[in-house]
């Protein structure tokens, strides 16, 4: 099965397995839900979350753009 998948992806078996392992490792690290922070780091984040929002022209511009996939 791995050899066939590598052929379909036009990769050597080694490259295919290495790419799959790297993707799995990246996903595993991105899926972490628990973050260990110091008390001061926690307090800083909480203060940031409690501040009123401010205007962000760049973000407003981004949301105003038509997504590239909408034209397809």
PDB file of N, CA and C in Angstrom:
ATOM      1  N   UNK A   1       0.827  -1.177   0.000  1.00  0.00           N
ATOM      2  CA  UNK A   1       0.000   0.000   0.000  1.00  0.00           C
ATOM      3  C   UNK A   1       0.882   1.256   0.000  1.00  0.00           C
ATOM      4  N   UNK A   2       1.917   1.281   0.830  1.00  0.00           N
ATOM      5  CA  UNK A   2       2.789   2.451   0.878  1.00  0.00           C
ATOM      6  C   UNK A   2       3.511   2.661  -0.447  1.00  0.00           C
ATOM      7  N   UNK A   3       3.977   1.576  -1.024  1.00  0.00           N
ATOM      8  CA  UNK A   3       4.693   1.684  -2.298  1.00  0.00           C
ATOM      9  C   UNK A   3       3.774   2.242  -3.388  1.00  0.00           C
ATOM     10  N   UNK A   4       2.537   1.789  -3.427  1.00  0.00           N
ATOM     11  CA  UNK A   4       1.570   2.273  -4.426  1.00  0.00           C
ATOM     12  C   UNK A   4       1.260   3.756  -4.195  1.00  0.00           C
ATOM     13  N   UNK A   5       1.071   4.136  -2.948  1.00  0.00           N
ATOM     14  CA  UNK A   5       0.801   5.537  -2.635  1.00  0.00           C
ATOM     15  C   UNK A   5       1.992   6.413  -3.043  1.00  0.00           C
ATOM     16  N   UNK A   6       3.202   5.937  -2.812  1.00  0.00           N
ATOM     17  CA  UNK A   6       4.397   6.679  -3.210  1.00  0.00           C
ATOM     18  C   UNK A   6       4.441   6.846  -4.720  1.00  0.00           C
ATOM     19  N   UNK A   7       4.087   5.801  -5.452  1.00  0.00           N
ATOM     20  CA  UNK A   7       4.053   5.886  -6.917  1.00  0.00           C
ATOM     21  C   UNK A   7       3.025   6.910  -7.380  1.00  0.00           C
ATOM     22  N   UNK A   8       1.858   6.896  -6.765  1.00  0.00           N
ATOM     23  CA  UNK A   8       0.803   7.841  -7.135  1.00  0.00           C
ATOM     24  C   UNK A   8       1.259   9.282  -6.858  1.00  0.00           C
ATOM     25  N   UNK A   9       2.008   9.466  -5.792  1.00  0.00           N
ATOM     26  CA  UNK A   9       2.505  10.797  -5.423  1.00  0.00           C
ATOM     27  C   UNK A   9       3.771  11.170  -6.193  1.00  0.00           C
ATOM     28  N   UNK A  10       4.251  10.256  -7.038  1.00  0.00           N
ATOM     29  CA  UNK A  10       5.479  10.472  -7.821  1.00  0.00           C
ATOM     30  C   UNK A  10       6.668  10.748  -6.907  1.00  0.00           C
ATOM     31  N   UNK A  11       6.760   9.933  -5.857  1.00  0.00           N
ATOM     32  CA  UNK A  11       7.868  10.059  -4.905  1.00  0.00           C
ATOM     33  C   UNK A  11       8.468   8.686  -4.676  1.00  0.00           C
ATOM     34  N   UNK A  12       9.719   8.686  -4.231  1.00  0.00           N
ATOM     35  CA  UNK A  12      10.305   7.415  -3.804  1.00  0.00           C
ATOM     36  C   UNK A  12       9.594   6.997  -2.517  1.00  0.00           C
ATOM     37  N   UNK A  13       9.693   5.724  -2.203  1.00  0.00           N
ATOM     38  CA  UNK A  13       9.067   5.232  -0.979  1.00  0.00           C
ATOM     39  C   UNK A  13       9.652   5.948   0.236  1.00  0.00           C
ATOM     40  N   UNK A  14      10.968   6.143   0.232  1.00  0.00           N
ATOM     41  CA  UNK A  14      11.627   6.836   1.341  1.00  0.00           C
ATOM     42  C   UNK A  14      11.097   8.257   1.491  1.00  0.00           C
ATOM     43  N   UNK A  15      11.028   9.004   0.373  1.00  0.00           N
ATOM     44  CA  UNK A  15      10.528  10.381   0.430  1.00  0.00           C
ATOM     45  C   UNK A  15       9.069  10.418   0.876  1.00  0.00           C
ATOM     46  N   UNK A  16       8.276   9.474   0.384  1.00  0.00           N
ATOM     47  CA  UNK A  16       6.864   9.439   0.750  1.00  0.00           C
ATOM     48  C   UNK A  16       6.696   9.208   2.252  1.00  0.00           C
ATOM     49  N   UNK A  17       7.404   8.231   2.779  1.00  0.00           N
ATOM     50  CA  UNK A  17       7.300   7.902   4.205  1.00  0.00           C
ATOM     51  C   UNK A  17       7.830   9.055   5.052  1.00  0.00           C
ATOM     52  N   UNK A  18       8.950   9.657   4.638  1.00  0.00           N
ATOM     53  CA  UNK A  18       9.505  10.775   5.391  1.00  0.00           C
ATOM     54  C   UNK A  18       8.541  11.963   5.388  1.00  0.00           C
ATOM     55  N   UNK A  19       7.949  12.278   4.236  1.00  0.00           N
ATOM     56  CA  UNK A  19       6.973  13.370   4.165  1.00  0.00           C
ATOM     57  C   UNK A  19       5.766  13.092   5.052  1.00  0.00           C
ATOM     58  N   UNK A  20       5.273  11.860   5.018  1.00  0.00           N
ATOM     59  CA  UNK A  20       4.115  11.499   5.836  1.00  0.00           C
ATOM     60  C   UNK A  20       4.448  11.603   7.319  1.00  0.00           C
ATOM     61  N   UNK A  21       5.649  11.179   7.694  1.00  0.00           N
ATOM     62  CA  UNK A  21       6.060  11.260   9.100  1.00  0.00           C
ATOM     63  C   UNK A  21       6.191  12.718   9.540  1.00  0.00           C
ATOM     64  N   UNK A  22       6.750  13.556   8.682  1.00  0.00           N
ATOM     65  CA  UNK A  22       6.886  14.985   9.021  1.00  0.00           C
ATOM     66  C   UNK A  22       5.523  15.646   9.152  1.00  0.00           C
ATOM     67  N   UNK A  23       4.590  15.318   8.264  1.00  0.00           N
ATOM     68  CA  UNK A  23       3.238  15.872   8.352  1.00  0.00           C
ATOM     69  C   UNK A  23       2.558  15.429   9.642  1.00  0.00           C
ATOM     70  N   UNK A  24       2.722  14.165  10.002  1.00  0.00           N
ATOM     71  CA  UNK A  24       2.122  13.659  11.236  1.00  0.00           C
ATOM     72  C   UNK A  24       2.737  14.341  12.458  1.00  0.00           C
ATOM     73  N   UNK A  25       4.040  14.536  12.432  1.00  0.00           N
ATOM     74  CA  UNK A  25       4.711  15.208  13.553  1.00  0.00           C
ATOM     75  C   UNK A  25       4.231  16.649  13.681  1.00  0.00           C
ATOM     76  N   UNK A  26       4.138  17.346  12.551  1.00  0.00           N
ATOM     77  CA  UNK A  26       3.670  18.730  12.577  1.00  0.00           C
ATOM     78  C   UNK A  26       2.245  18.815  13.105  1.00  0.00           C
ATOM     79  N   UNK A  27       1.381  17.932  12.634  1.00  0.00           N
ATOM     80  CA  UNK A  27      -0.008  17.938  13.083  1.00  0.00           C
ATOM     81  C   UNK A  27      -0.099  17.630  14.578  1.00  0.00           C
ATOM     82  N   UNK A  28       0.710  16.713  15.035  1.00  0.00           N
ATOM     83  CA  UNK A  28       0.721  16.367  16.452  1.00  0.00           C
ATOM     84  C   UNK A  28       1.105  17.574  17.303  1.00  0.00           C
ATOM     85  N   UNK A  29       2.124  18.287  16.864  1.00  0.00           N
ATOM     86  CA  UNK A  29       2.560  19.463  17.615  1.00  0.00           C
ATOM     87  C   UNK A  29       1.532  20.583  17.544  1.00  0.00           C
ATOM     88  N   UNK A  30       0.870  20.752  16.402  1.00  0.00           N
ATOM     89  CA  UNK A  30      -0.129  21.803  16.263  1.00  0.00           C
ATOM     90  C   UNK A  30      -1.404  21.493  17.044  1.00  0.00           C
ATOM     91  N   UNK A  31      -1.639  20.223  17.309  1.00  0.00           N
ATOM     92  CA  UNK A  31      -2.858  19.820  18.010  1.00  0.00           C
ATOM     93  C   UNK A  31      -2.746  19.937  19.523  1.00  0.00           C
ATOM     94  N   UNK A  32      -1.625  20.399  20.020  1.00  0.00           N
ATOM     95  CA  UNK A  32      -1.462  20.501  21.461  1.00  0.00           C
ATOM     96  C   UNK A  32      -2.489  21.477  22.029  1.00  0.00           C
ATOM     97  N   UNK A  33      -3.188  21.057  23.034  1.00  0.00           N
ATOM     98  CA  UNK A  33      -4.228  21.880  23.629  1.00  0.00           C
ATOM     99  C   UNK A  33      -3.823  22.444  24.989  1.00  0.00           C
ATOM    100  N   UNK A  34      -2.777  21.904  25.549  1.00  0.00           N
ATOM    101  CA  UNK A  34      -2.331  22.309  26.871  1.00  0.00           C
ATOM    102  C   UNK A  34      -1.071  23.152  26.733  1.00  0.00           C
ATOM    103  N   UNK A  35      -1.126  24.354  27.262  1.00  0.00           N
ATOM    104  CA  UNK A  35       0.016  25.244  27.219  1.00  0.00           C
ATOM    105  C   UNK A  35       0.437  25.555  28.646  1.00  0.00           C
ATOM    106  N   UNK A  36       1.676  25.311  28.939  1.00  0.00           N
ATOM    107  CA  UNK A  36       2.209  25.576  30.268  1.00  0.00           C
ATOM    108  C   UNK A  36       2.882  26.948  30.237  1.00  0.00           C
ATOM    109  N   UNK A  37       2.387  27.865  31.045  1.00  0.00           N
ATOM    110  CA  UNK A  37       2.961  29.215  31.109  1.00  0.00           C
ATOM    111  C   UNK A  37       3.133  29.603  32.574  1.00  0.00           C
ATOM    112  N   UNK A  38       3.991  30.586  32.783  1.00  0.00           N
ATOM    113  CA  UNK A  38       4.201  31.083  34.145  1.00  0.00           C
ATOM    114  C   UNK A  38       3.003  31.927  34.560  1.00  0.00           C
ATOM    115  N   UNK A  39       2.935  32.257  35.830  1.00  0.00           N
ATOM    116  CA  UNK A  39       1.850  33.093  36.331  1.00  0.00           C
ATOM    117  C   UNK A  39       1.828  34.457  35.670  1.00  0.00           C
ATOM    118  N   UNK A  40       2.996  35.034  35.444  1.00  0.00           N
ATOM    119  CA  UNK A  40       3.053  36.358  34.808  1.00  0.00           C
ATOM    120  C   UNK A  40       2.646  36.276  33.333  1.00  0.00           C
ATOM    121  N   UNK A  41       3.024  35.201  32.666  1.00  0.00           N
ATOM    122  CA  UNK A  41       2.606  35.026  31.269  1.00  0.00           C
ATOM    123  C   UNK A  41       1.086  34.864  31.186  1.00  0.00           C
ATOM    124  N   UNK A  42       0.540  34.091  32.094  1.00  0.00           N
ATOM    125  CA  UNK A  42      -0.908  33.896  32.125  1.00  0.00           C
ATOM    126  C   UNK A  42      -1.622  35.226  32.366  1.00  0.00           C
ATOM    127  N   UNK A  43      -1.153  35.982  33.336  1.00  0.00           N
ATOM    128  CA  UNK A  43      -1.773  37.271  33.656  1.00  0.00           C
ATOM    129  C   UNK A  43      -1.698  38.215  32.469  1.00  0.00           C
ATOM    130  N   UNK A  44      -0.573  38.225  31.789  1.00  0.00           N
ATOM    131  CA  UNK A  44      -0.397  39.079  30.616  1.00  0.00           C
ATOM    132  C   UNK A  44      -1.399  38.720  29.518  1.00  0.00           C
ATOM    133  N   UNK A  45      -1.585  37.428  29.277  1.00  0.00           N
ATOM    134  CA  UNK A  45      -2.550  36.977  28.249  1.00  0.00           C
ATOM    135  C   UNK A  45      -3.980  37.323  28.646  1.00  0.00           C
ATOM    136  N   UNK A  46      -4.300  37.159  29.918  1.00  0.00           N
ATOM    137  CA  UNK A  46      -5.650  37.475  30.372  1.00  0.00           C
ATOM    138  C   UNK A  46      -5.942  38.963  30.229  1.00  0.00           C
ATOM    139  N   UNK A  47      -4.962  39.799  30.559  1.00  0.00           N
ATOM    140  CA  UNK A  47      -5.139  41.242  30.395  1.00  0.00           C
ATOM    141  C   UNK A  47      -5.333  41.604  28.934  1.00  0.00           C
ATOM    142  N   UNK A  48      -4.580  40.952  28.066  1.00  0.00           N
ATOM    143  CA  UNK A  48      -4.712  41.207  26.642  1.00  0.00           C
ATOM    144  C   UNK A  48      -6.114  40.831  26.150  1.00  0.00           C
ATOM    145  N   UNK A  49      -6.628  39.707  26.612  1.00  0.00           N
ATOM    146  CA  UNK A  49      -7.960  39.253  26.197  1.00  0.00           C
ATOM    147  C   UNK A  49      -9.075  40.140  26.739  1.00  0.00           C
ATOM    148  N   UNK A  50      -8.851  40.753  27.876  1.00  0.00           N
ATOM    149  CA  UNK A  50      -9.877  41.591  28.499  1.00  0.00           C
ATOM    150  C   UNK A  50      -9.893  43.024  27.968  1.00  0.00           C
ATOM    151  N   UNK A  51      -8.842  43.436  27.259  1.00  0.00           N
ATOM    152  CA  UNK A  51      -8.810  44.788  26.695  1.00  0.00           C
ATOM    153  C   UNK A  51      -9.867  44.932  25.606  1.00  0.00           C
ATOM    154  N   UNK A  52     -10.469  46.104  25.485  1.00  0.00           N
ATOM    155  CA  UNK A  52     -11.425  46.312  24.395  1.00  0.00           C
ATOM    156  C   UNK A  52     -10.711  46.215  23.048  1.00  0.00           C
ATOM    157  N   UNK A  53     -11.444  45.746  22.069  1.00  0.00           N
ATOM    158  CA  UNK A  53     -10.837  45.622  20.746  1.00  0.00           C
ATOM    159  C   UNK A  53     -10.547  47.007  20.176  1.00  0.00           C
ATOM    160  N   UNK A  54      -9.591  47.066  19.277  1.00  0.00           N
ATOM    161  CA  UNK A  54      -9.258  48.338  18.626  1.00  0.00           C
ATOM    162  C   UNK A  54      -9.362  48.145  17.121  1.00  0.00           C
ATOM    163  N   UNK A  55      -9.532  49.241  16.409  1.00  0.00           N
ATOM    164  CA  UNK A  55      -9.613  49.170  14.957  1.00  0.00           C
ATOM    165  C   UNK A  55      -8.314  48.630  14.392  1.00  0.00           C
ATOM    166  N   UNK A  56      -8.443  47.788  13.387  1.00  0.00           N
ATOM    167  CA  UNK A  56      -7.277  47.209  12.736  1.00  0.00           C
ATOM    168  C   UNK A  56      -7.526  47.306  11.238  1.00  0.00           C
ATOM    169  N   UNK A  57      -6.970  48.329  10.604  1.00  0.00           N
ATOM    170  CA  UNK A  57      -7.213  48.576   9.183  1.00  0.00           C
ATOM    171  C   UNK A  57      -6.753  47.410   8.320  1.00  0.00           C
ATOM    172  N   UNK A  58      -5.640  46.798   8.659  1.00  0.00           N
ATOM    173  CA  UNK A  58      -5.133  45.674   7.862  1.00  0.00           C
ATOM    174  C   UNK A  58      -6.082  44.489   7.925  1.00  0.00           C
ATOM    175  N   UNK A  59      -6.608  44.210   9.107  1.00  0.00           N
ATOM    176  CA  UNK A  59      -7.542  43.103   9.254  1.00  0.00           C
ATOM    177  C   UNK A  59      -8.855  43.405   8.534  1.00  0.00           C
ATOM    178  N   UNK A  60      -9.335  44.628   8.624  1.00  0.00           N
ATOM    179  CA  UNK A  60     -10.554  45.022   7.913  1.00  0.00           C
ATOM    180  C   UNK A  60     -10.358  44.867   6.410  1.00  0.00           C
ATOM    181  N   UNK A  61      -9.183  45.236   5.902  1.00  0.00           N
ATOM    182  CA  UNK A  61      -8.875  45.083   4.477  1.00  0.00           C
ATOM    183  C   UNK A  61      -8.874  43.616   4.084  1.00  0.00           C
ATOM    184  N   UNK A  62      -8.280  42.788   4.909  1.00  0.00           N
ATOM    185  CA  UNK A  62      -8.226  41.353   4.624  1.00  0.00           C
ATOM    186  C   UNK A  62      -9.628  40.764   4.528  1.00  0.00           C
ATOM    187  N   UNK A  63     -10.505  41.097   5.468  1.00  0.00           N
ATOM    188  CA  UNK A  63     -11.861  40.554   5.453  1.00  0.00           C
ATOM    189  C   UNK A  63     -12.702  41.128   4.319  1.00  0.00           C
ATOM    190  N   UNK A  64     -12.327  42.284   3.807  1.00  0.00           N
ATOM    191  CA  UNK A  64     -13.081  42.903   2.719  1.00  0.00           C
ATOM    192  C   UNK A  64     -12.736  42.292   1.357  1.00  0.00           C
ATOM    193  N   UNK A  65     -11.609  41.618   1.269  1.00  0.00           N
ATOM    194  CA  UNK A  65     -11.178  41.018  -0.011  1.00  0.00           C
ATOM    195  C   UNK A  65     -12.016  39.795  -0.363  1.00  0.00           C
ATOM    196  N   UNK A  66     -12.195  39.619  -1.657  1.00  0.00           N
ATOM    197  CA  UNK A  66     -12.878  38.421  -2.156  1.00  0.00           C
ATOM    198  C   UNK A  66     -11.874  37.279  -2.134  1.00  0.00           C
ATOM    199  N   UNK A  67     -12.240  36.129  -1.571  1.00  0.00           N
ATOM    200  CA  UNK A  67     -11.285  35.015  -1.495  1.00  0.00           C
ATOM    201  C   UNK A  67     -10.961  34.495  -2.902  1.00  0.00           C
ATOM    202  N   UNK A  68      -9.728  34.054  -3.127  1.00  0.00           N
ATOM    203  CA  UNK A  68      -9.317  33.582  -4.449  1.00  0.00           C
ATOM    204  C   UNK A  68     -10.167  32.414  -4.955  1.00  0.00           C
ATOM    205  N   UNK A  69     -10.643  31.557  -4.060  1.00  0.00           N
ATOM    206  CA  UNK A  69     -11.410  30.397  -4.500  1.00  0.00           C
ATOM    207  C   UNK A  69     -12.840  30.758  -4.902  1.00  0.00           C
ATOM    208  N   UNK A  70     -13.278  31.977  -4.597  1.00  0.00           N
ATOM    209  CA  UNK A  70     -14.643  32.379  -4.932  1.00  0.00           C
ATOM    210  C   UNK A  70     -14.818  32.592  -6.424  1.00  0.00           C
ATOM    211  N   UNK A  71     -13.718  32.814  -7.160  1.00  0.00           N
ATOM    212  CA  UNK A  71     -13.787  33.065  -8.592  1.00  0.00           C
ATOM    213  C   UNK A  71     -13.760  31.789  -9.409  1.00  0.00           C
ATOM    214  N   UNK A  72     -13.615  30.669  -8.786  1.00  0.00           N
ATOM    215  CA  UNK A  72     -13.475  29.404  -9.537  1.00  0.00           C
ATOM    216  C   UNK A  72     -14.785  28.707  -9.701  1.00  0.00           C
TER     217      UNK A  72
END
